[in-house]
Amino acid sequence: MRRVHFQCIKCGSKNSRKTVAVDHKEPVVEVTGKADFNTYISRLFCGIKGLQILCKVCHDAKSKEENRQRRIHKKGKV
């Protein structure tokens, strides 16, 4: 059986399927937190062109940054 490796779109590392995440290019929940239900659904079910492969490290960093931006918007700093 052949091993398949997936390349992270951000850092270029090659990973097994257990160490990658399929990520939405556009966050499903906007960082401003101001999206209607239809926008949420269209982002959630975006199709393959709206997805990307990221290693766990890059995915965690992207998610952390998006959450940081949401907290800033929630506090009204932007």
N, C-alpha and C. Protein backbone atom coordinates (compact mmCIF):
# COMPACT_ATOMS: atom_id res chain seq x y z
N MET A 1 0.83 -1.17 0.00
CA MET A 1 0.00 0.00 0.00
C MET A 1 0.89 1.25 0.00
N ARG A 2 0.56 2.17 -0.88
CA ARG A 2 1.36 3.38 -1.03
C ARG A 2 0.91 4.45 -0.05
N ARG A 3 1.88 5.12 0.53
CA ARG A 3 1.57 6.23 1.43
C ARG A 3 1.32 7.49 0.61
N VAL A 4 0.32 8.23 1.01
CA VAL A 4 0.00 9.49 0.35
C VAL A 4 0.36 10.62 1.30
N HIS A 5 1.02 11.63 0.77
CA HIS A 5 1.36 12.79 1.57
C HIS A 5 0.69 14.02 0.99
N PHE A 6 0.30 14.91 1.87
CA PHE A 6 -0.38 16.14 1.49
C PHE A 6 0.54 17.31 1.80
N GLN A 7 0.62 18.26 0.89
CA GLN A 7 1.50 19.40 1.07
C GLN A 7 0.71 20.59 1.61
N CYS A 8 1.23 21.18 2.67
CA CYS A 8 0.62 22.36 3.27
C CYS A 8 0.76 23.53 2.29
N ILE A 9 -0.34 24.20 2.03
CA ILE A 9 -0.34 25.31 1.08
C ILE A 9 0.43 26.53 1.62
N LYS A 10 0.58 26.60 2.94
CA LYS A 10 1.25 27.76 3.54
C LYS A 10 2.76 27.56 3.69
N CYS A 11 3.17 26.49 4.34
CA CYS A 11 4.61 26.30 4.62
C CYS A 11 5.28 25.31 3.68
N GLY A 12 4.48 24.54 2.94
CA GLY A 12 5.05 23.61 1.98
C GLY A 12 5.46 22.26 2.55
N SER A 13 5.25 22.04 3.83
CA SER A 13 5.64 20.76 4.43
C SER A 13 4.75 19.64 3.91
N LYS A 14 5.32 18.44 3.85
CA LYS A 14 4.57 17.27 3.41
C LYS A 14 4.15 16.48 4.64
N ASN A 15 2.86 16.11 4.68
CA ASN A 15 2.30 15.50 5.87
C ASN A 15 1.40 14.33 5.52
N SER A 16 1.21 13.44 6.49
CA SER A 16 0.24 12.36 6.33
C SER A 16 -1.15 12.93 6.57
N ARG A 17 -2.17 12.17 6.24
CA ARG A 17 -3.54 12.68 6.40
C ARG A 17 -3.90 12.91 7.86
N LYS A 18 -3.17 12.29 8.77
CA LYS A 18 -3.46 12.48 10.20
C LYS A 18 -2.91 13.79 10.72
N THR A 19 -2.02 14.43 9.99
CA THR A 19 -1.41 15.66 10.49
C THR A 19 -1.73 16.87 9.62
N VAL A 20 -2.81 16.79 8.86
CA VAL A 20 -3.26 17.93 8.08
C VAL A 20 -4.71 18.26 8.41
N ALA A 21 -5.12 19.44 8.03
CA ALA A 21 -6.50 19.88 8.20
C ALA A 21 -6.98 20.45 6.87
N VAL A 22 -8.24 20.18 6.55
CA VAL A 22 -8.87 20.82 5.40
C VAL A 22 -9.49 22.10 5.94
N ASP A 23 -9.00 23.22 5.44
CA ASP A 23 -9.36 24.53 5.99
C ASP A 23 -10.17 25.34 4.98
N HIS A 24 -11.13 26.11 5.49
CA HIS A 24 -11.85 27.06 4.64
C HIS A 24 -10.94 28.26 4.39
N LYS A 25 -10.75 28.63 3.13
CA LYS A 25 -9.92 29.79 2.81
C LYS A 25 -10.51 31.04 3.45
N GLU A 26 -11.80 31.23 3.31
CA GLU A 26 -12.51 32.32 3.97
C GLU A 26 -13.09 31.76 5.26
N PRO A 27 -12.88 32.42 6.39
CA PRO A 27 -13.44 31.89 7.65
C PRO A 27 -14.96 31.73 7.54
N VAL A 28 -15.47 30.64 8.06
CA VAL A 28 -16.91 30.40 8.04
C VAL A 28 -17.61 31.49 8.84
N VAL A 29 -17.07 31.82 10.00
CA VAL A 29 -17.58 32.92 10.82
C VAL A 29 -16.66 34.10 10.59
N GLU A 30 -17.20 35.17 10.04
CA GLU A 30 -16.39 36.35 9.75
C GLU A 30 -15.71 36.86 11.01
N VAL A 31 -14.52 37.43 10.84
CA VAL A 31 -13.80 37.94 12.00
C VAL A 31 -14.52 39.14 12.61
N THR A 32 -15.34 39.81 11.83
CA THR A 32 -16.13 40.92 12.37
C THR A 32 -17.34 40.41 13.14
N GLY A 33 -17.69 39.14 12.93
CA GLY A 33 -18.85 38.56 13.60
C GLY A 33 -20.17 39.05 13.05
N LYS A 34 -20.15 39.80 11.96
CA LYS A 34 -21.36 40.40 11.39
C LYS A 34 -21.70 39.74 10.07
N ALA A 35 -22.29 38.57 10.15
CA ALA A 35 -22.71 37.86 8.95
C ALA A 35 -24.11 37.33 9.15
N ASP A 36 -24.87 37.35 8.09
CA ASP A 36 -26.21 36.78 8.19
C ASP A 36 -26.14 35.27 7.96
N PHE A 37 -27.25 34.61 8.16
CA PHE A 37 -27.31 33.15 8.07
C PHE A 37 -26.93 32.66 6.68
N ASN A 38 -27.39 33.35 5.63
CA ASN A 38 -27.09 32.93 4.26
C ASN A 38 -25.60 33.00 3.95
N THR A 39 -24.93 34.02 4.46
CA THR A 39 -23.48 34.13 4.28
C THR A 39 -22.77 33.00 5.00
N TYR A 40 -23.21 32.71 6.20
CA TYR A 40 -22.63 31.61 6.98
C TYR A 40 -22.75 30.29 6.23
N ILE A 41 -23.94 29.99 5.72
CA ILE A 41 -24.18 28.73 5.00
C ILE A 41 -23.35 28.67 3.72
N SER A 42 -23.28 29.76 2.97
CA SER A 42 -22.51 29.74 1.72
C SER A 42 -21.02 29.56 1.99
N ARG A 43 -20.51 30.09 3.09
CA ARG A 43 -19.11 29.89 3.44
C ARG A 43 -18.86 28.47 3.95
N LEU A 44 -19.82 27.93 4.68
CA LEU A 44 -19.67 26.59 5.22
C LEU A 44 -19.63 25.55 4.10
N PHE A 45 -20.53 25.69 3.14
CA PHE A 45 -20.61 24.75 2.01
C PHE A 45 -20.05 25.42 0.76
N CYS A 46 -18.79 25.77 0.81
CA CYS A 46 -18.15 26.59 -0.23
C CYS A 46 -17.73 25.82 -1.47
N GLY A 47 -17.65 24.53 -1.40
CA GLY A 47 -17.12 23.76 -2.53
C GLY A 47 -15.62 23.63 -2.42
N ILE A 48 -15.07 22.80 -3.26
CA ILE A 48 -13.64 22.46 -3.16
C ILE A 48 -12.72 23.65 -3.43
N LYS A 49 -13.15 24.60 -4.24
CA LYS A 49 -12.30 25.76 -4.54
C LYS A 49 -12.15 26.69 -3.33
N GLY A 50 -13.03 26.57 -2.36
CA GLY A 50 -12.96 27.39 -1.17
C GLY A 50 -12.21 26.73 -0.02
N LEU A 51 -11.60 25.56 -0.30
CA LEU A 51 -10.89 24.81 0.74
C LEU A 51 -9.40 24.74 0.43
N GLN A 52 -8.61 24.51 1.45
CA GLN A 52 -7.17 24.36 1.29
C GLN A 52 -6.64 23.36 2.32
N ILE A 53 -5.50 22.78 1.99
CA ILE A 53 -4.84 21.83 2.91
C ILE A 53 -3.79 22.61 3.70
N LEU A 54 -3.88 22.52 5.02
CA LEU A 54 -2.89 23.12 5.90
C LEU A 54 -2.39 22.06 6.88
N CYS A 55 -1.10 22.13 7.22
CA CYS A 55 -0.61 21.26 8.30
C CYS A 55 -1.24 21.74 9.60
N LYS A 56 -1.22 20.91 10.61
CA LYS A 56 -1.85 21.26 11.89
C LYS A 56 -1.26 22.54 12.48
N VAL A 57 0.05 22.73 12.35
CA VAL A 57 0.71 23.91 12.91
C VAL A 57 0.19 25.18 12.24
N CYS A 58 0.14 25.18 10.90
CA CYS A 58 -0.34 26.35 10.17
C CYS A 58 -1.84 26.57 10.40
N HIS A 59 -2.61 25.48 10.47
CA HIS A 59 -4.05 25.61 10.72
C HIS A 59 -4.30 26.20 12.10
N ASP A 60 -3.58 25.73 13.09
CA ASP A 60 -3.74 26.25 14.45
C ASP A 60 -3.37 27.74 14.51
N ALA A 61 -2.30 28.12 13.81
CA ALA A 61 -1.88 29.52 13.80
C ALA A 61 -2.92 30.39 13.10
N LYS A 62 -3.48 29.92 11.99
CA LYS A 62 -4.51 30.66 11.26
C LYS A 62 -5.75 30.82 12.13
N SER A 63 -6.18 29.74 12.77
CA SER A 63 -7.36 29.79 13.64
C SER A 63 -7.14 30.73 14.81
N LYS A 64 -5.95 30.68 15.40
CA LYS A 64 -5.63 31.55 16.53
C LYS A 64 -5.69 33.02 16.12
N GLU A 65 -5.16 33.35 14.95
CA GLU A 65 -5.19 34.72 14.47
C GLU A 65 -6.62 35.18 14.18
N GLU A 66 -7.42 34.32 13.56
CA GLU A 66 -8.83 34.67 13.29
C GLU A 66 -9.58 34.91 14.61
N ASN A 67 -9.35 34.08 15.60
CA ASN A 67 -10.00 34.25 16.90
C ASN A 67 -9.54 35.53 17.60
N ARG A 68 -8.26 35.87 17.44
CA ARG A 68 -7.74 37.12 18.01
C ARG A 68 -8.45 38.32 17.37
N GLN A 69 -8.61 38.27 16.05
CA GLN A 69 -9.29 39.36 15.35
C GLN A 69 -10.76 39.45 15.78
N ARG A 70 -11.41 38.32 16.02
CA ARG A 70 -12.80 38.33 16.49
C ARG A 70 -12.91 38.99 17.86
N ARG A 71 -11.95 38.68 18.76
CA ARG A 71 -11.96 39.29 20.09
C ARG A 71 -11.79 40.80 20.00
N ILE A 72 -10.91 41.25 19.11
CA ILE A 72 -10.69 42.69 18.94
C ILE A 72 -11.98 43.35 18.46
N HIS A 73 -12.62 42.76 17.45
CA HIS A 73 -13.88 43.34 16.94
C HIS A 73 -14.97 43.31 17.99
N LYS A 74 -15.01 42.26 18.77
CA LYS A 74 -16.04 42.13 19.81
C LYS A 74 -15.88 43.22 20.87
N LYS A 75 -14.65 43.55 21.18
CA LYS A 75 -14.38 44.60 22.18
C LYS A 75 -14.57 46.00 21.60
N GLY A 76 -14.76 46.08 20.29
CA GLY A 76 -14.99 47.38 19.66
C GLY A 76 -13.73 48.17 19.40
N LYS A 77 -12.61 47.48 19.33
CA LYS A 77 -11.33 48.18 19.11
C LYS A 77 -11.08 48.46 17.64
N VAL A 78 -11.88 47.87 16.75
CA VAL A 78 -11.69 48.11 15.31
C VAL A 78 -12.98 48.62 14.73
